[in-house]
Protein backbone atom coordinates (compact mmCIF):
# COMPACT_ATOMS: atom_id res chain seq x y z
CA MET A 1 -53.89 -60.59 -32.76
CA THR A 2 -52.01 -61.35 -29.58
CA ASP A 3 -48.89 -59.66 -30.94
CA LYS A 4 -50.88 -56.52 -31.78
CA HIS A 5 -52.37 -56.51 -28.29
CA ASN A 6 -48.95 -56.85 -26.68
CA MET A 7 -47.55 -54.09 -28.91
CA SER A 8 -50.37 -51.70 -28.02
CA THR A 9 -49.92 -52.54 -24.34
CA ASN A 10 -46.21 -51.80 -24.55
CA LEU A 11 -46.85 -48.50 -26.33
CA SER A 12 -49.35 -47.45 -23.68
CA VAL A 13 -46.86 -48.32 -20.97
CA ILE A 14 -44.14 -46.32 -22.69
CA LYS A 15 -46.45 -43.31 -23.07
CA ASN A 16 -47.31 -43.41 -19.37
CA PRO A 17 -45.53 -40.41 -17.78
CA ARG A 18 -44.84 -42.30 -14.55
CA VAL A 19 -43.26 -45.20 -16.44
CA GLN A 20 -41.26 -42.77 -18.57
CA SER A 21 -39.95 -41.10 -15.43
CA ASP A 22 -38.97 -44.48 -13.96
CA GLN A 23 -37.27 -45.44 -17.20
CA ARG A 24 -35.32 -42.18 -17.26
CA ARG A 25 -34.17 -42.77 -13.70
CA LEU A 26 -33.08 -46.30 -14.58
CA VAL A 27 -31.24 -45.17 -17.67
CA ARG A 28 -29.60 -42.12 -16.09
CA ARG A 29 -28.72 -43.60 -12.74
CA PRO A 30 -25.16 -44.53 -13.77
CA ASP A 31 -24.62 -41.08 -15.29
CA VAL A 32 -25.87 -39.01 -12.39
CA LYS A 33 -24.00 -40.95 -9.72
CA PRO A 34 -22.30 -38.25 -7.70
CA ASN A 35 -18.58 -37.90 -8.38
CA ARG A 36 -17.57 -37.75 -4.74
CA PRO A 37 -13.85 -37.10 -5.29
CA LEU A 38 -14.66 -34.18 -7.59
CA ILE A 39 -17.16 -32.71 -5.12
CA VAL A 40 -14.66 -33.05 -2.26
CA ILE A 41 -11.78 -31.45 -4.17
CA LEU A 42 -13.98 -28.58 -5.37
CA SER A 43 -15.18 -28.02 -1.80
CA THR A 44 -11.56 -28.01 -0.69
CA VAL A 45 -10.69 -25.34 -3.26
CA ALA A 46 -13.69 -23.21 -2.26
CA LEU A 47 -13.00 -23.42 1.49
CA ASP A 48 -9.32 -22.74 0.91
CA ALA A 49 -10.21 -19.58 -1.04
CA VAL A 50 -12.61 -18.48 1.70
CA GLY A 51 -9.82 -18.92 4.24
CA ILE A 52 -7.46 -16.78 2.15
CA GLY A 53 -10.09 -14.09 1.68
CA LEU A 54 -11.12 -14.06 5.34
CA ILE A 55 -7.91 -12.45 6.55
CA MET A 56 -7.54 -9.87 3.76
CA PRO A 57 -9.72 -7.13 5.34
CA VAL A 58 -8.31 -7.54 8.86
CA LEU A 59 -4.58 -8.03 8.28
CA PRO A 60 -3.90 -4.26 8.51
CA GLY A 61 -5.87 -4.15 11.77
CA LEU A 62 -3.80 -6.98 13.19
CA LEU A 63 -0.63 -5.15 12.17
CA ARG A 64 -1.76 -2.04 14.04
CA ASP A 65 -1.62 -4.06 17.24
CA LEU A 66 2.00 -4.99 16.57
CA VAL A 67 3.66 -1.97 14.87
CA HIS A 68 3.42 1.80 14.78
CA SER A 69 0.57 3.12 12.63
CA ASN A 70 3.03 4.81 10.24
CA ASP A 71 4.65 1.43 9.48
CA VAL A 72 1.46 -0.53 8.81
CA THR A 73 1.43 0.11 5.05
CA ALA A 74 5.04 -0.94 4.57
CA HIS A 75 4.65 -4.16 6.55
CA TYR A 76 1.35 -4.93 4.85
CA GLY A 77 2.98 -4.70 1.41
CA ILE A 78 5.93 -6.81 2.51
CA LEU A 79 3.63 -9.51 3.91
CA LEU A 80 1.64 -9.65 0.66
CA ALA A 81 4.81 -9.88 -1.41
CA LEU A 82 6.26 -12.51 0.91
CA TYR A 83 3.14 -14.66 0.61
CA ALA A 84 3.20 -14.43 -3.20
CA LEU A 85 6.94 -15.15 -3.30
CA MET A 86 6.57 -18.32 -1.22
CA GLN A 87 3.71 -19.52 -3.39
CA PHE A 88 5.81 -18.84 -6.48
CA ALA A 89 8.71 -20.83 -5.04
CA CYS A 90 6.74 -23.72 -3.54
CA ALA A 91 4.00 -24.43 -6.08
CA PRO A 92 6.38 -26.42 -8.35
CA VAL A 93 7.67 -28.27 -5.29
CA LEU A 94 4.18 -29.31 -4.20
CA GLY A 95 3.29 -30.31 -7.74
CA ALA A 96 6.43 -32.42 -8.13
CA LEU A 97 5.95 -33.99 -4.69
CA SER A 98 2.39 -34.94 -5.62
CA ASP A 99 3.72 -36.69 -8.73
CA ARG A 100 6.14 -38.63 -6.54
CA PHE A 101 4.12 -39.39 -3.40
CA GLY A 102 0.52 -38.91 -4.55
CA ARG A 103 -1.96 -36.03 -4.47
CA ARG A 104 -3.75 -36.93 -1.24
CA PRO A 105 -0.80 -36.90 1.23
CA VAL A 106 0.63 -33.66 -0.17
CA LEU A 107 -2.77 -31.98 -0.05
CA LEU A 108 -3.44 -33.15 3.51
CA VAL A 109 -0.06 -31.96 4.76
CA SER A 110 -0.66 -28.57 3.14
CA LEU A 111 -4.11 -28.21 4.70
CA ALA A 112 -2.90 -29.25 8.15
CA GLY A 113 0.00 -26.81 7.93
CA ALA A 114 -2.34 -24.00 6.89
CA ALA A 115 -4.69 -24.71 9.81
CA VAL A 116 -1.85 -24.57 12.33
CA ASP A 117 -0.39 -21.48 10.66
CA TYR A 118 -3.63 -19.46 10.81
CA ALA A 119 -4.07 -20.39 14.48
CA ILE A 120 -0.54 -19.17 15.25
CA MET A 121 -1.12 -15.94 13.34
CA ALA A 122 -4.35 -15.33 15.25
CA THR A 123 -2.41 -15.32 18.52
CA ALA A 124 0.83 -13.77 17.21
CA PRO A 125 2.37 -11.75 20.07
CA PHE A 126 5.23 -10.36 17.97
CA LEU A 127 5.68 -9.12 14.42
CA TRP A 128 8.27 -11.78 13.55
CA VAL A 129 5.72 -14.48 14.38
CA LEU A 130 3.34 -12.93 11.86
CA TYR A 131 6.09 -12.95 9.23
CA ILE A 132 6.82 -16.61 9.87
CA GLY A 133 3.10 -17.27 9.63
CA ARG A 134 2.85 -15.64 6.21
CA ILE A 135 5.86 -17.63 5.00
CA VAL A 136 4.26 -20.89 6.11
CA ALA A 137 0.91 -19.77 4.64
CA GLY A 138 2.60 -19.17 1.29
CA ILE A 139 4.25 -22.58 1.38
CA THR A 140 1.05 -24.42 2.26
CA GLY A 141 -1.19 -22.11 0.23
CA ALA A 142 -0.08 -23.46 -3.15
CA THR A 143 -2.67 -26.23 -2.94
CA GLY A 144 -4.20 -25.11 -6.24
CA ALA A 145 -1.44 -26.94 -8.12
CA VAL A 146 -2.26 -30.22 -6.37
CA ALA A 147 -6.01 -29.68 -6.78
CA GLY A 148 -5.56 -29.04 -10.50
CA ALA A 149 -3.50 -32.21 -10.88
CA TYR A 150 -6.14 -34.14 -8.93
CA ILE A 151 -8.89 -32.96 -11.28
CA ALA A 152 -6.75 -33.91 -14.29
CA ASP A 153 -6.32 -37.39 -12.79
CA ILE A 154 -10.01 -38.13 -12.24
CA THR A 155 -11.42 -36.41 -15.34
CA ASP A 156 -11.58 -37.64 -18.91
CA GLY A 157 -10.10 -35.36 -21.53
CA ASP A 158 -13.49 -34.27 -22.86
CA GLU A 159 -14.65 -33.14 -19.41
CA ARG A 160 -11.51 -31.37 -18.22
CA ALA A 161 -12.44 -27.92 -19.49
CA ARG A 162 -15.77 -28.08 -17.66
CA HIS A 163 -14.22 -29.34 -14.43
CA PHE A 164 -11.38 -26.82 -14.53
CA GLY A 165 -14.12 -24.22 -14.96
CA PHE A 166 -15.79 -25.57 -11.82
CA MET A 167 -12.50 -25.29 -9.94
CA SER A 168 -11.94 -21.69 -11.05
CA ALA A 169 -15.53 -20.84 -10.16
CA CYS A 170 -15.22 -22.36 -6.68
CA PHE A 171 -12.05 -20.38 -6.08
CA GLY A 172 -13.75 -17.22 -7.34
CA PHE A 173 -16.80 -17.68 -5.13
CA GLY A 174 -14.52 -18.30 -2.17
CA MET A 175 -12.55 -15.14 -2.85
CA VAL A 176 -15.81 -13.16 -3.03
CA ALA A 177 -17.31 -14.65 0.13
CA GLY A 178 -14.09 -14.62 2.15
CA PRO A 179 -13.50 -10.85 2.35
CA VAL A 180 -17.19 -10.23 3.07
CA LEU A 181 -17.19 -12.69 5.97
CA GLY A 182 -13.79 -11.45 7.11
CA GLY A 183 -15.05 -7.87 7.21
CA LEU A 184 -18.06 -8.89 9.29
CA MET A 185 -15.94 -10.91 11.71
CA GLY A 186 -13.35 -8.17 11.89
CA GLY A 187 -16.00 -5.93 13.40
CA PHE A 188 -15.83 -8.09 16.51
CA SER A 189 -12.09 -8.72 16.58
CA PRO A 190 -9.22 -8.65 14.07
CA HIS A 191 -8.24 -12.09 15.38
CA ALA A 192 -11.61 -13.75 14.65
CA PRO A 193 -11.10 -14.23 10.87
CA PHE A 194 -7.76 -15.95 11.50
CA PHE A 195 -9.42 -18.44 13.86
CA ALA A 196 -12.16 -18.95 11.26
CA ALA A 197 -9.57 -19.58 8.54
CA ALA A 198 -7.85 -22.11 10.80
CA ALA A 199 -11.17 -23.85 11.41
CA LEU A 200 -11.95 -23.99 7.68
CA ASN A 201 -8.58 -25.54 6.89
CA GLY A 202 -9.08 -27.99 9.75
CA LEU A 203 -12.45 -28.93 8.26
CA ASN A 204 -10.78 -29.31 4.88
CA PHE A 205 -8.18 -31.61 6.42
CA LEU A 206 -10.77 -33.84 8.09
CA THR A 207 -12.86 -33.99 4.93
CA GLY A 208 -9.82 -35.05 2.94
CA CYS A 209 -8.86 -37.68 5.50
CA PHE A 210 -12.23 -39.44 5.40
CA LEU A 211 -13.69 -38.67 1.97
CA LEU A 212 -10.86 -37.99 -0.47
CA PRO A 213 -9.28 -41.04 -2.15
CA GLU A 214 -5.91 -41.02 -3.85
CA SER A 215 -6.21 -40.15 -7.54
CA HIS A 216 -2.65 -40.66 -8.76
CA LYS A 217 -2.38 -44.45 -8.88
CA GLY A 218 -0.05 -44.78 -11.84
CA GLU A 219 3.71 -44.95 -11.91
CA ARG A 220 5.32 -42.50 -9.49
CA ARG A 221 8.03 -40.33 -11.01
CA PRO A 222 11.31 -39.79 -9.15
CA LEU A 223 12.04 -36.27 -8.01
CA ARG A 224 14.38 -34.26 -10.20
CA ARG A 225 16.12 -31.03 -9.33
CA GLU A 226 14.74 -29.10 -12.31
CA ALA A 227 11.18 -30.01 -11.30
CA LEU A 228 11.63 -27.98 -8.10
CA ASN A 229 12.82 -24.80 -9.85
CA PRO A 230 10.03 -22.18 -10.16
CA LEU A 231 12.08 -20.23 -12.72
CA ALA A 232 12.13 -23.19 -15.09
CA SER A 233 8.47 -22.91 -16.12
CA PHE A 234 9.21 -22.14 -19.75
CA ARG A 235 12.53 -23.97 -19.90
CA TRP A 236 10.64 -27.05 -18.72
CA ALA A 237 8.44 -26.81 -21.83
CA ARG A 238 11.42 -26.41 -24.17
CA GLY A 239 11.24 -28.91 -27.02
CA MET A 240 7.47 -29.29 -26.62
CA THR A 241 6.13 -26.90 -29.24
CA VAL A 242 2.48 -26.97 -28.26
CA VAL A 243 3.17 -26.80 -24.52
CA ALA A 244 5.59 -23.88 -24.97
CA ALA A 245 3.05 -21.97 -27.05
CA LEU A 246 0.24 -22.64 -24.59
CA MET A 247 2.45 -21.67 -21.65
CA ALA A 248 3.20 -18.36 -23.38
CA VAL A 249 -0.52 -17.75 -23.89
CA PHE A 250 -1.16 -18.68 -20.24
CA PHE A 251 1.45 -16.17 -19.07
CA ILE A 252 0.00 -13.37 -21.23
CA MET A 253 -3.58 -14.16 -20.18
CA GLN A 254 -2.60 -13.99 -16.53
CA LEU A 255 -0.81 -10.70 -17.16
CA VAL A 256 -3.91 -9.25 -18.81
CA GLY A 257 -6.11 -10.53 -16.00
CA GLN A 258 -4.00 -8.90 -13.30
CA VAL A 259 -3.89 -5.41 -14.85
CA PRO A 260 -7.60 -4.57 -14.35
CA ALA A 261 -7.42 -5.89 -10.79
CA ALA A 262 -4.57 -3.51 -10.07
CA LEU A 263 -6.24 -0.53 -11.78
CA TRP A 264 -9.93 -1.02 -11.05
CA VAL A 265 -10.05 1.07 -7.88
CA ILE A 266 -8.21 4.08 -9.30
CA PHE A 267 -10.14 3.75 -12.59
CA GLY A 268 -13.49 3.82 -10.78
CA GLU A 269 -12.48 6.79 -8.63
CA ASP A 270 -10.98 8.91 -11.41
CA ARG A 271 -13.38 8.09 -14.22
CA PHE A 272 -16.73 7.49 -12.55
CA HIS A 273 -16.15 9.19 -9.15
CA TRP A 274 -17.15 5.99 -7.35
CA ASP A 275 -16.99 5.80 -3.58
CA ALA A 276 -15.66 2.81 -1.62
CA THR A 277 -19.10 1.17 -1.40
CA THR A 278 -19.67 1.29 -5.16
CA ILE A 279 -16.19 -0.04 -5.83
CA GLY A 280 -16.81 -2.91 -3.42
CA ILE A 281 -20.14 -3.72 -5.06
CA SER A 282 -18.57 -3.63 -8.52
CA LEU A 283 -15.76 -5.96 -7.49
CA ALA A 284 -18.19 -8.40 -5.87
CA ALA A 285 -20.46 -8.29 -8.92
CA PHE A 286 -17.58 -9.01 -11.27
CA GLY A 287 -16.34 -11.86 -9.09
CA ILE A 288 -19.77 -13.49 -9.02
CA LEU A 289 -20.35 -13.06 -12.76
CA HIS A 290 -16.88 -14.37 -13.57
CA SER A 291 -17.37 -17.45 -11.40
CA LEU A 292 -20.81 -18.15 -12.85
CA ALA A 293 -19.43 -17.93 -16.38
CA GLN A 294 -16.65 -20.36 -15.59
CA ALA A 295 -18.98 -22.81 -13.86
CA MET A 296 -21.94 -22.72 -16.25
CA ILE A 297 -20.64 -21.66 -19.67
CA THR A 298 -17.20 -23.24 -20.02
CA GLY A 299 -18.40 -26.85 -20.22
CA PRO A 300 -21.16 -26.41 -22.82
CA VAL A 301 -19.05 -24.08 -24.99
CA ALA A 302 -16.02 -26.39 -24.91
CA ALA A 303 -18.19 -29.43 -25.65
CA ARG A 304 -19.90 -27.74 -28.59
CA LEU A 305 -17.07 -25.71 -30.11
CA GLY A 306 -13.96 -27.43 -28.79
CA GLU A 307 -11.41 -26.18 -26.28
CA ARG A 308 -9.39 -24.16 -28.80
CA ARG A 309 -12.43 -22.23 -30.01
CA ALA A 310 -13.61 -21.73 -26.43
CA LEU A 311 -10.21 -20.23 -25.64
CA MET A 312 -10.41 -17.94 -28.66
CA LEU A 313 -13.96 -16.89 -27.79
CA GLY A 314 -12.91 -16.03 -24.26
CA MET A 315 -10.01 -13.89 -25.45
CA ILE A 316 -12.20 -12.07 -27.97
CA ALA A 317 -14.75 -11.34 -25.23
CA ASP A 318 -11.97 -9.97 -23.02
CA GLY A 319 -10.57 -7.73 -25.74
CA THR A 320 -13.98 -6.38 -26.73
CA GLY A 321 -14.84 -5.71 -23.09
CA TYR A 322 -11.65 -3.71 -22.53
CA ILE A 323 -12.35 -1.56 -25.60
CA LEU A 324 -15.89 -0.79 -24.43
CA LEU A 325 -14.70 -0.10 -20.89
CA ALA A 326 -12.06 2.33 -22.13
CA PHE A 327 -14.73 4.45 -23.82
CA ALA A 328 -17.40 4.17 -21.11
CA THR A 329 -18.49 7.61 -19.89
CA ARG A 330 -21.01 6.67 -17.16
CA GLY A 331 -20.58 4.45 -14.15
CA TRP A 332 -23.60 2.29 -14.97
CA MET A 333 -21.99 1.34 -18.29
CA ALA A 334 -19.32 -0.65 -16.48
CA PHE A 335 -21.84 -3.17 -15.13
CA PRO A 336 -23.18 -4.52 -18.46
CA ILE A 337 -19.61 -4.53 -19.76
CA MET A 338 -18.75 -6.77 -16.81
CA VAL A 339 -20.96 -9.46 -18.31
CA LEU A 340 -18.77 -9.48 -21.42
CA LEU A 341 -15.56 -9.44 -19.40
CA ALA A 342 -16.89 -12.24 -17.19
CA SER A 343 -17.66 -14.30 -20.29
CA GLY A 344 -13.99 -14.08 -21.10
CA GLY A 345 -13.44 -16.28 -18.06
CA ILE A 346 -14.18 -19.37 -20.15
CA GLY A 347 -10.79 -19.03 -21.80
CA MET A 348 -8.60 -19.99 -18.86
CA PRO A 349 -10.27 -23.35 -18.00
CA ALA A 350 -10.19 -24.26 -21.70
CA LEU A 351 -6.49 -23.40 -21.82
CA GLN A 352 -5.80 -25.49 -18.69
CA ALA A 353 -7.61 -28.44 -20.26
CA MET A 354 -5.57 -28.08 -23.46
CA LEU A 355 -2.34 -28.00 -21.48
CA SER A 356 -3.27 -31.03 -19.39
CA ARG A 357 -3.89 -33.03 -22.57
CA GLN A 358 -0.30 -32.46 -23.71
CA VAL A 359 1.33 -33.93 -20.59
CA ASP A 360 1.25 -37.54 -19.47
CA GLU A 361 -0.51 -38.52 -16.24
CA GLU A 362 2.76 -38.81 -14.29
CA ARG A 363 3.58 -35.12 -14.84
CA GLN A 364 0.22 -33.46 -14.19
CA GLY A 365 1.35 -32.23 -10.78
CA GLN A 366 4.53 -30.77 -12.23
CA LEU A 367 2.52 -28.98 -14.92
CA GLN A 368 0.05 -27.48 -12.45
CA GLY A 369 2.91 -26.41 -10.21
CA LYS A 370 4.59 -24.58 -13.08
CA LEU A 371 1.32 -22.86 -13.97
CA THR A 372 0.82 -21.71 -10.38
CA ALA A 373 4.41 -20.44 -10.25
CA ALA A 374 3.90 -18.51 -13.49
CA TRP A 375 0.68 -17.03 -12.09
CA GLN A 376 2.42 -15.87 -8.91
CA ASN A 377 5.26 -14.40 -10.98
CA VAL A 378 2.73 -12.34 -12.94
CA LYS A 379 1.12 -11.14 -9.69
CA ARG A 380 4.48 -10.00 -8.37
CA MET A 381 5.20 -8.17 -11.62
CA THR A 382 1.87 -6.34 -11.66
CA ARG A 383 2.15 -5.35 -7.99
CA LYS A 384 5.41 -3.60 -8.81
CA THR A 385 4.34 -1.98 -12.07
CA GLN A 386 0.63 -1.26 -11.56
CA ARG A 387 0.47 -0.18 -7.91
CA PRO A 388 -1.77 2.89 -7.66
CA PRO A 389 0.12 5.93 -6.36
CA ILE A 390 -0.69 7.31 -2.93
CA PRO A 391 -3.03 10.35 -2.89
CA GLU A 392 -0.26 12.93 -2.55
CA LYS A 393 1.64 11.53 -5.51
CA ARG A 394 -1.56 11.20 -7.52
CA ARG A 395 -2.25 14.92 -7.05
CA VAL A 396 1.29 15.80 -8.19
CA LEU A 397 1.02 13.48 -11.18
CA LYS A 398 -2.29 15.00 -12.25
CA ASP A 399 -0.71 18.46 -12.28
CA SER A 400 2.46 17.38 -14.08
CA PRO A 401 3.18 18.39 -17.71
CA ALA A 402 3.08 14.74 -18.79
CA ALA A 403 -0.39 14.29 -17.35
CA THR A 404 -1.56 17.52 -18.98
CA ALA A 405 -0.24 16.42 -22.35
CA MET A 406 -1.83 13.01 -21.97
CA SER A 407 -5.16 14.54 -20.99
CA ASN A 408 -5.20 16.41 -24.31
CA LEU A 409 -5.07 13.13 -26.21
CA PRO A 410 -8.39 11.63 -27.40
CA GLY A 411 -9.90 9.45 -24.73
CA HIS A 412 -7.87 10.86 -21.83
CA ARG A 413 -5.13 9.02 -19.96
CA ILE A 414 -7.36 6.49 -18.24
CA LYS A 415 -8.51 5.19 -21.61
CA ILE A 416 -4.91 4.61 -22.59
CA THR A 417 -4.35 2.70 -19.37
CA ILE A 418 -7.39 0.49 -19.82
CA LEU A 419 -6.59 -0.09 -23.51
CA LEU A 420 -3.24 -1.63 -22.56
CA PRO A 421 -4.87 -4.99 -21.70
CA ASP A 422 -6.67 -4.92 -25.04
CA THR A 423 -3.36 -4.48 -26.84
CA VAL A 424 -2.00 -7.50 -25.02
CA SER A 425 -5.23 -9.35 -25.82
CA THR A 426 -4.58 -8.77 -29.50
CA VAL A 427 -1.08 -10.19 -29.09
CA ARG A 428 -2.35 -13.28 -27.29
CA ILE A 429 -4.97 -13.89 -30.00
CA VAL A 430 -2.29 -13.66 -32.69
CA ILE A 431 -0.05 -16.15 -30.87
CA PRO A 432 -2.44 -19.12 -30.96
CA THR A 433 -3.87 -18.35 -34.41
CA ARG A 434 -0.56 -17.81 -36.21
CA TRP A 435 2.25 -19.47 -34.26
CA THR A 436 0.54 -22.67 -33.11
CA LYS A 437 -2.24 -23.17 -35.63
CA THR A 438 -0.49 -26.08 -37.31
CA ALA A 439 0.41 -27.67 -33.99
CA TRP A 440 -3.09 -27.38 -32.56
CA ASN A 441 -4.69 -28.77 -35.69
CA ALA A 442 -2.64 -31.94 -35.21
CA ARG A 443 -3.97 -34.58 -32.87
CA THR A 444 -0.88 -35.02 -30.74
CA THR A 445 -0.58 -37.62 -28.02
CA PRO A 446 1.28 -36.88 -24.76
CA SER A 447 3.89 -39.48 -25.65
CA ALA A 448 4.60 -37.66 -28.90
CA ILE A 449 4.91 -34.37 -27.06
CA MET A 450 7.46 -35.96 -24.73
CA GLY A 451 9.52 -37.00 -27.76
CA VAL A 452 8.65 -40.70 -27.50
CA GLY A 453 5.79 -41.39 -29.87
CA ILE A 454 4.56 -40.10 -33.21
CA THR A 455 2.12 -37.39 -34.20
CA ALA A 456 -0.85 -38.44 -36.28
CA PRO A 457 -2.43 -35.94 -38.67
CA ALA A 458 -5.93 -34.73 -38.00
CA ASN A 459 -8.73 -36.67 -39.61
């Protein structure tokens, strides 16, 4: 009788909502403990992106104070290319240095250098000072490689896709908020956003000093000359079948991602007759949707379907979105299509997680540096090949025989342009499904990839 009484008492206690809530808190407390290093590194990525975006709207205005108005466009293009070139060259260096000396010191030096650089650019009295500032900004701006290696260090393999999605989302939100804030500050002075960017990087530096622990506590790898070569991204992966295949997919995905960015403005103007305000709203909307997809969808999809299927799903969403966009006839149609294109953003974090699994912990920085270098190389390529023509040349091109012939084709010339990414999307889907299907179906350890261990067949 006593046992029955105790059992009924226990059941009543368990059914009590207040007790259930307390029990859930007790059970979940270890799981919901804030991951402070992750929060700090994600905040660093977001603030760094805001700092980059802050100066974008006002850099031409700052140039007008230093050069003749007719030379602003040329210098602006050179400064953008110079920044991308320095990131391309220095990302592998920062990644390799972080493998050798640790993530924290390399990240702190980069943030401190960026803070000083933005302050110098804000007060630049001569054009050559601005050029030096952009060179230093490019060198110190490749912090994404170190941040990616840091996340790989502190994250278990099953969580990497979700956390890489968080990192991409934080960068995306920063790049959306930065230009908006920079435009508002630029209304007061073209120098104000540069001071704000310096302050943000200073805040990042102080946060890292006091709150960011070192993540790379394993064996430190010695520096090698080939690790510092940005052109060795694919040669570095030679002999590693899965890594080489994934690097090729990464390169193609970045190429596809850059084409719409280069063509969106001219596409909106020519096809939908959008004004500058509508184009700005559409870009901001896409940036927000893309970041939300990476932050909120990547983790659940990768956990449920696996990283490979999440990658495939993202690429299929991209390809379908490009097809629909090519045949859109009204401006409002582009906005629901953006949801599909934004959903394609889950592919890149899943791909980063897959790549990080194939490299041992001592080479995560080198891997992230090579990925950043490849990304900057793609940006430089698309700036050269996809730059919209100036208005005078656009008018001549529209009246040319080639343009007339193209306009007679079904779908008009702009459809052909927008369908180019879809063609590349088809290629990048074929690569993982045909070329690397056998390799991805094998459960391969990093030591086996490096030519040291063995590869076990999938269960």
